[in-house]
Amino acid sequence: MKRKNSFGQIVITVMFIYSAILCHFHASELLENEKTLMAVMFWFFGLTAILGAFRFKIANLIYIYRFKKNKDR
């Protein structure tokens, strides 16, 4: 499962990482203002953005797992 990296995929991956960084700094600011629930929500949003950035690596791991599982049968 080899994927060709296009310029669009690279840009979107960089934007996912950038939005995760922004979410982290905004959550830190909210935590200083004692808005804990909002801070936790923004950290969750940042986590999902990081997972979005690694979407192809995650898909590759799932593909390898499923291939090995089917090969063992």
C-alpha atoms as a PDB file:
ATOM      1  CA  MET A   1       0.000   0.000   0.000  1.00  0.00           C
ATOM      2  CA  LYS A   2       2.358   2.654  -1.257  1.00  0.00           C
ATOM      3  CA  ARG A   3       0.919   6.148  -1.470  1.00  0.00           C
ATOM      4  CA  LYS A   4       2.248   8.918  -3.643  1.00  0.00           C
ATOM      5  CA  ASN A   5       2.536  12.135  -1.636  1.00  0.00           C
ATOM      6  CA  SER A   6       0.989  14.990  -3.511  1.00  0.00           C
ATOM      7  CA  PHE A   7       1.480  18.639  -2.683  1.00  0.00           C
ATOM      8  CA  GLY A   8      -2.120  18.881  -1.428  1.00  0.00           C
ATOM      9  CA  GLN A   9      -1.637  16.037   1.046  1.00  0.00           C
ATOM     10  CA  ILE A  10       1.502  17.663   2.423  1.00  0.00           C
ATOM     11  CA  VAL A  11      -0.229  21.041   2.821  1.00  0.00           C
ATOM     12  CA  ILE A  12      -3.202  19.501   4.621  1.00  0.00           C
ATOM     13  CA  THR A  13      -0.883  17.559   6.940  1.00  0.00           C
ATOM     14  CA  VAL A  14       0.996  20.753   7.819  1.00  0.00           C
ATOM     15  CA  MET A  15      -2.311  22.514   8.483  1.00  0.00           C
ATOM     16  CA  PHE A  16      -3.402  19.713  10.824  1.00  0.00           C
ATOM     17  CA  ILE A  17      -0.184  20.123  12.806  1.00  0.00           C
ATOM     18  CA  TYR A  18      -0.556  23.914  12.836  1.00  0.00           C
ATOM     19  CA  SER A  19      -4.140  23.686  14.126  1.00  0.00           C
ATOM     20  CA  ALA A  20      -3.024  21.252  16.847  1.00  0.00           C
ATOM     21  CA  ILE A  21      -0.389  23.737  17.998  1.00  0.00           C
ATOM     22  CA  LEU A  22      -2.951  26.541  18.023  1.00  0.00           C
ATOM     23  CA  CYS A  23      -5.368  24.400  20.028  1.00  0.00           C
ATOM     24  CA  HIS A  24      -2.649  23.637  22.571  1.00  0.00           C
ATOM     25  CA  PHE A  25      -1.756  27.291  23.121  1.00  0.00           C
ATOM     26  CA  HIS A  26      -5.403  28.311  23.327  1.00  0.00           C
ATOM     27  CA  ALA A  27      -6.062  25.531  25.854  1.00  0.00           C
ATOM     28  CA  SER A  28      -3.100  26.670  27.935  1.00  0.00           C
ATOM     29  CA  GLU A  29      -4.489  30.202  27.956  1.00  0.00           C
ATOM     30  CA  LEU A  30      -7.936  28.933  28.967  1.00  0.00           C
ATOM     31  CA  LEU A  31      -6.395  26.899  31.784  1.00  0.00           C
ATOM     32  CA  GLU A  32      -4.704  30.033  33.133  1.00  0.00           C
ATOM     33  CA  ASN A  33      -8.116  31.735  33.125  1.00  0.00           C
ATOM     34  CA  GLU A  34      -9.531  28.779  35.118  1.00  0.00           C
ATOM     35  CA  LYS A  35     -11.749  27.486  32.322  1.00  0.00           C
ATOM     36  CA  THR A  36     -10.740  23.870  32.741  1.00  0.00           C
ATOM     37  CA  LEU A  37     -13.547  22.248  30.758  1.00  0.00           C
ATOM     38  CA  MET A  38     -12.909  24.417  27.705  1.00  0.00           C
ATOM     39  CA  ALA A  39      -9.161  23.750  28.007  1.00  0.00           C
ATOM     40  CA  VAL A  40      -9.731  19.986  28.061  1.00  0.00           C
ATOM     41  CA  MET A  41     -11.992  20.289  25.025  1.00  0.00           C
ATOM     42  CA  PHE A  42      -9.339  22.209  23.095  1.00  0.00           C
ATOM     43  CA  TRP A  43      -6.692  19.639  24.024  1.00  0.00           C
ATOM     44  CA  PHE A  44      -9.037  16.954  22.706  1.00  0.00           C
ATOM     45  CA  PHE A  45      -9.420  18.945  19.483  1.00  0.00           C
ATOM     46  CA  GLY A  46      -5.635  19.204  19.264  1.00  0.00           C
ATOM     47  CA  LEU A  47      -5.307  15.455  19.752  1.00  0.00           C
ATOM     48  CA  THR A  48      -7.742  14.775  16.935  1.00  0.00           C
ATOM     49  CA  ALA A  49      -5.828  17.212  14.723  1.00  0.00           C
ATOM     50  CA  ILE A  50      -2.593  15.305  15.433  1.00  0.00           C
ATOM     51  CA  LEU A  51      -4.366  12.049  14.581  1.00  0.00           C
ATOM     52  CA  GLY A  52      -5.501  13.694  11.349  1.00  0.00           C
ATOM     53  CA  ALA A  53      -1.920  14.631  10.560  1.00  0.00           C
ATOM     54  CA  PHE A  54      -0.848  11.009  10.968  1.00  0.00           C
ATOM     55  CA  ARG A  55      -3.850   9.623   9.067  1.00  0.00           C
ATOM     56  CA  PHE A  56      -1.755   7.859   6.433  1.00  0.00           C
ATOM     57  CA  LYS A  57       0.543   6.242   8.997  1.00  0.00           C
ATOM     58  CA  ILE A  58      -2.473   5.072  11.009  1.00  0.00           C
ATOM     59  CA  ALA A  59      -4.097   3.674   7.859  1.00  0.00           C
ATOM     60  CA  ASN A  60      -0.857   1.869   7.006  1.00  0.00           C
ATOM     61  CA  LEU A  61      -0.700   0.283  10.476  1.00  0.00           C
ATOM     62  CA  ILE A  62      -4.318  -0.861  10.182  1.00  0.00           C
ATOM     63  CA  TYR A  63      -3.621  -2.246   6.709  1.00  0.00           C
ATOM     64  CA  ILE A  64      -0.584  -4.183   7.968  1.00  0.00           C
ATOM     65  CA  TYR A  65      -2.570  -5.530  10.930  1.00  0.00           C
ATOM     66  CA  ARG A  66      -5.448  -6.668   8.733  1.00  0.00           C
ATOM     67  CA  PHE A  67      -3.071  -8.189   6.164  1.00  0.00           C
ATOM     68  CA  LYS A  68      -1.247 -10.200   8.838  1.00  0.00           C
ATOM     69  CA  LYS A  69      -4.539 -11.237  10.427  1.00  0.00           C
ATOM     70  CA  ASN A  70      -5.903 -12.494   7.100  1.00  0.00           C
ATOM     71  CA  LYS A  71      -2.585 -14.152   6.217  1.00  0.00           C
ATOM     72  CA  ASP A  72      -2.616 -16.192   9.443  1.00  0.00           C
ATOM     73  CA  ARG A  73      -5.978 -17.765   8.552  1.00  0.00           C
END
